[in-house]
C-alpha atoms as a PDB file:
ATOM      1  CA  MET A   1     -13.315  -6.164 -22.942  1.00  0.00           C
ATOM      2  CA  GLY A   2     -11.212  -9.183 -22.517  1.00  0.00           C
ATOM      3  CA  ALA A   3     -11.678 -12.892 -22.595  1.00  0.00           C
ATOM      4  CA  LEU A   4     -11.738 -13.171 -18.865  1.00  0.00           C
ATOM      5  CA  ASP A   5     -14.465 -10.437 -18.672  1.00  0.00           C
ATOM      6  CA  LEU A   6     -16.607 -12.416 -21.201  1.00  0.00           C
ATOM      7  CA  LEU A   7     -16.081 -15.684 -19.323  1.00  0.00           C
ATOM      8  CA  ILE A   8     -17.218 -14.059 -16.057  1.00  0.00           C
ATOM      9  CA  LEU A   9     -20.253 -12.486 -17.717  1.00  0.00           C
ATOM     10  CA  ALA A  10     -21.081 -15.967 -19.422  1.00  0.00           C
ATOM     11  CA  ILE A  11     -20.929 -17.891 -16.103  1.00  0.00           C
ATOM     12  CA  ALA A  12     -22.853 -15.059 -14.283  1.00  0.00           C
ATOM     13  CA  THR A  13     -25.482 -15.225 -17.064  1.00  0.00           C
ATOM     14  CA  TRP A  14     -25.742 -18.921 -16.683  1.00  0.00           C
ATOM     15  CA  ARG A  15     -26.212 -18.641 -12.847  1.00  0.00           C
ATOM     16  CA  VAL A  16     -28.890 -15.987 -13.030  1.00  0.00           C
ATOM     17  CA  SER A  17     -30.810 -17.712 -15.858  1.00  0.00           C
ATOM     18  CA  TYR A  18     -30.739 -21.106 -13.933  1.00  0.00           C
ATOM     19  CA  LEU A  19     -31.900 -19.407 -10.672  1.00  0.00           C
ATOM     20  CA  VAL A  20     -34.886 -17.695 -12.537  1.00  0.00           C
ATOM     21  CA  THR A  21     -36.033 -20.726 -14.537  1.00  0.00           C
ATOM     22  CA  LYS A  22     -35.120 -23.826 -12.468  1.00  0.00           C
ATOM     23  CA  GLU A  23     -34.535 -23.104  -8.744  1.00  0.00           C
ATOM     24  CA  ASP A  24     -36.885 -22.365  -5.990  1.00  0.00           C
ATOM     25  CA  ALA A  25     -34.227 -20.023  -4.300  1.00  0.00           C
ATOM     26  CA  PRO A  26     -34.446 -19.142  -0.524  1.00  0.00           C
ATOM     27  CA  PHE A  27     -37.901 -18.810   0.816  1.00  0.00           C
ATOM     28  CA  ARG A  28     -39.239 -20.124  -2.555  1.00  0.00           C
ATOM     29  CA  LEU A  29     -38.758 -16.551  -3.890  1.00  0.00           C
ATOM     30  CA  ALA A  30     -37.886 -17.744  -7.476  1.00  0.00           C
ATOM     31  CA  ALA A  31     -40.634 -20.209  -7.494  1.00  0.00           C
ATOM     32  CA  ARG A  32     -43.130 -17.727  -6.481  1.00  0.00           C
ATOM     33  CA  LEU A  33     -41.934 -15.360  -9.133  1.00  0.00           C
ATOM     34  CA  ARG A  34     -42.373 -18.042 -11.720  1.00  0.00           C
ATOM     35  CA  GLU A  35     -45.889 -18.989 -10.546  1.00  0.00           C
ATOM     36  CA  ARG A  36     -47.200 -15.251 -10.232  1.00  0.00           C
ATOM     37  CA  HIS A  37     -45.503 -13.745 -13.265  1.00  0.00           C
ATOM     38  CA  PRO A  38     -44.589 -16.188 -16.079  1.00  0.00           C
ATOM     39  CA  LEU A  39     -43.864 -13.114 -18.240  1.00  0.00           C
ATOM     40  CA  GLY A  40     -44.617 -15.011 -21.543  1.00  0.00           C
ATOM     41  CA  GLY A  41     -42.176 -17.879 -20.805  1.00  0.00           C
ATOM     42  CA  LEU A  42     -39.276 -15.718 -19.515  1.00  0.00           C
ATOM     43  CA  THR A  43     -39.266 -17.206 -16.165  1.00  0.00           C
ATOM     44  CA  THR A  44     -39.588 -20.894 -17.477  1.00  0.00           C
ATOM     45  CA  CYS A  45     -37.338 -20.878 -20.671  1.00  0.00           C
ATOM     46  CA  ILE A  46     -33.650 -20.776 -19.668  1.00  0.00           C
ATOM     47  CA  TYR A  47     -32.689 -19.693 -23.418  1.00  0.00           C
ATOM     48  CA  CYS A  48     -35.077 -16.677 -23.016  1.00  0.00           C
ATOM     49  CA  ALA A  49     -34.172 -15.832 -19.512  1.00  0.00           C
ATOM     50  CA  SER A  50     -30.421 -15.995 -20.616  1.00  0.00           C
ATOM     51  CA  VAL A  51     -30.734 -13.172 -23.094  1.00  0.00           C
ATOM     52  CA  TRP A  52     -32.270 -10.762 -20.657  1.00  0.00           C
ATOM     53  CA  ALA A  53     -29.875 -11.799 -17.774  1.00  0.00           C
ATOM     54  CA  ALA A  54     -26.904 -11.181 -20.136  1.00  0.00           C
ATOM     55  CA  ILE A  55     -28.168  -7.837 -20.931  1.00  0.00           C
ATOM     56  CA  ALA A  56     -28.704  -6.801 -17.387  1.00  0.00           C
ATOM     57  CA  LEU A  57     -25.316  -8.342 -16.169  1.00  0.00           C
ATOM     58  CA  TYR A  58     -23.540  -6.413 -18.906  1.00  0.00           C
ATOM     59  CA  VAL A  59     -25.125  -3.171 -17.878  1.00  0.00           C
ATOM     60  CA  LEU A  60     -24.119  -3.929 -14.225  1.00  0.00           C
ATOM     61  CA  TRP A  61     -20.523  -4.747 -15.404  1.00  0.00           C
ATOM     62  CA  TRP A  62     -19.917  -1.143 -16.133  1.00  0.00           C
ATOM     63  CA  THR A  63     -21.225   0.140 -12.813  1.00  0.00           C
ATOM     64  CA  PRO A  64     -19.848   0.009  -9.270  1.00  0.00           C
ATOM     65  CA  LEU A  65     -21.823  -3.105  -8.859  1.00  0.00           C
ATOM     66  CA  GLN A  66     -19.247  -5.067 -11.012  1.00  0.00           C
ATOM     67  CA  PRO A  67     -18.089  -7.178  -7.895  1.00  0.00           C
ATOM     68  CA  MET A  68     -21.725  -8.592  -7.434  1.00  0.00           C
ATOM     69  CA  VAL A  69     -21.539  -9.945 -11.171  1.00  0.00           C
ATOM     70  CA  THR A  70     -18.204 -11.377 -10.289  1.00  0.00           C
ATOM     71  CA  ILE A  71     -19.619 -13.058  -7.104  1.00  0.00           C
ATOM     72  CA  THR A  72     -22.559 -14.463  -9.100  1.00  0.00           C
ATOM     73  CA  ALA A  73     -20.001 -15.877 -11.669  1.00  0.00           C
ATOM     74  CA  ILE A  74     -18.067 -17.521  -8.958  1.00  0.00           C
ATOM     75  CA  ALA A  75     -21.347 -19.079  -7.493  1.00  0.00           C
ATOM     76  CA  GLY A  76     -22.170 -20.141 -10.985  1.00  0.00           C
ATOM     77  CA  GLY A  77     -18.753 -21.737 -11.621  1.00  0.00           C
ATOM     78  CA  ALA A  78     -19.120 -23.760  -8.322  1.00  0.00           C
ATOM     79  CA  MET A  79     -22.362 -25.004  -9.264  1.00  0.00           C
ATOM     80  CA  MET A  80     -21.084 -26.026 -12.698  1.00  0.00           C
ATOM     81  CA  LEU A  81     -18.200 -27.943 -10.944  1.00  0.00           C
ATOM     82  CA  MET A  82     -20.545 -29.623  -8.690  1.00  0.00           C
ATOM     83  CA  THR A  83     -22.780 -30.846 -11.659  1.00  0.00           C
ATOM     84  CA  PHE A  84     -19.619 -31.991 -13.597  1.00  0.00           C
ATOM     85  CA  THR A  85     -18.129 -33.802 -10.743  1.00  0.00           C
ATOM     86  CA  GLY A  86     -21.442 -35.472  -9.702  1.00  0.00           C
ATOM     87  CA  ALA A  87     -21.319 -34.076  -6.113  1.00  0.00           C
ATOM     88  CA  ASN A  88     -24.532 -34.087  -4.302  1.00  0.00           C
ATOM     89  CA  HIS A  89     -25.422 -30.989  -2.303  1.00  0.00           C
ATOM     90  CA  GLY A  90     -28.005 -32.816  -0.179  1.00  0.00           C
END
């Protein structure tokens, strides 16, 4: 596994962890997940969620679903750039 693979997995992990712990997501799906199933803090603690997201994404990386991990990383990278540049999405 190369450095680019690790970077893609790291950014995808951040994106999934942030989605699960901080965002409402479309149709409030993530918010309802957090409300109904806190899972011992897994859905509210980004540090906890990132460990499990990393495991899941690493497993997906070795399947035909690898492009989905890459797409998630691209979306995460775009969100990071938005945050760092101070752009407003609203």
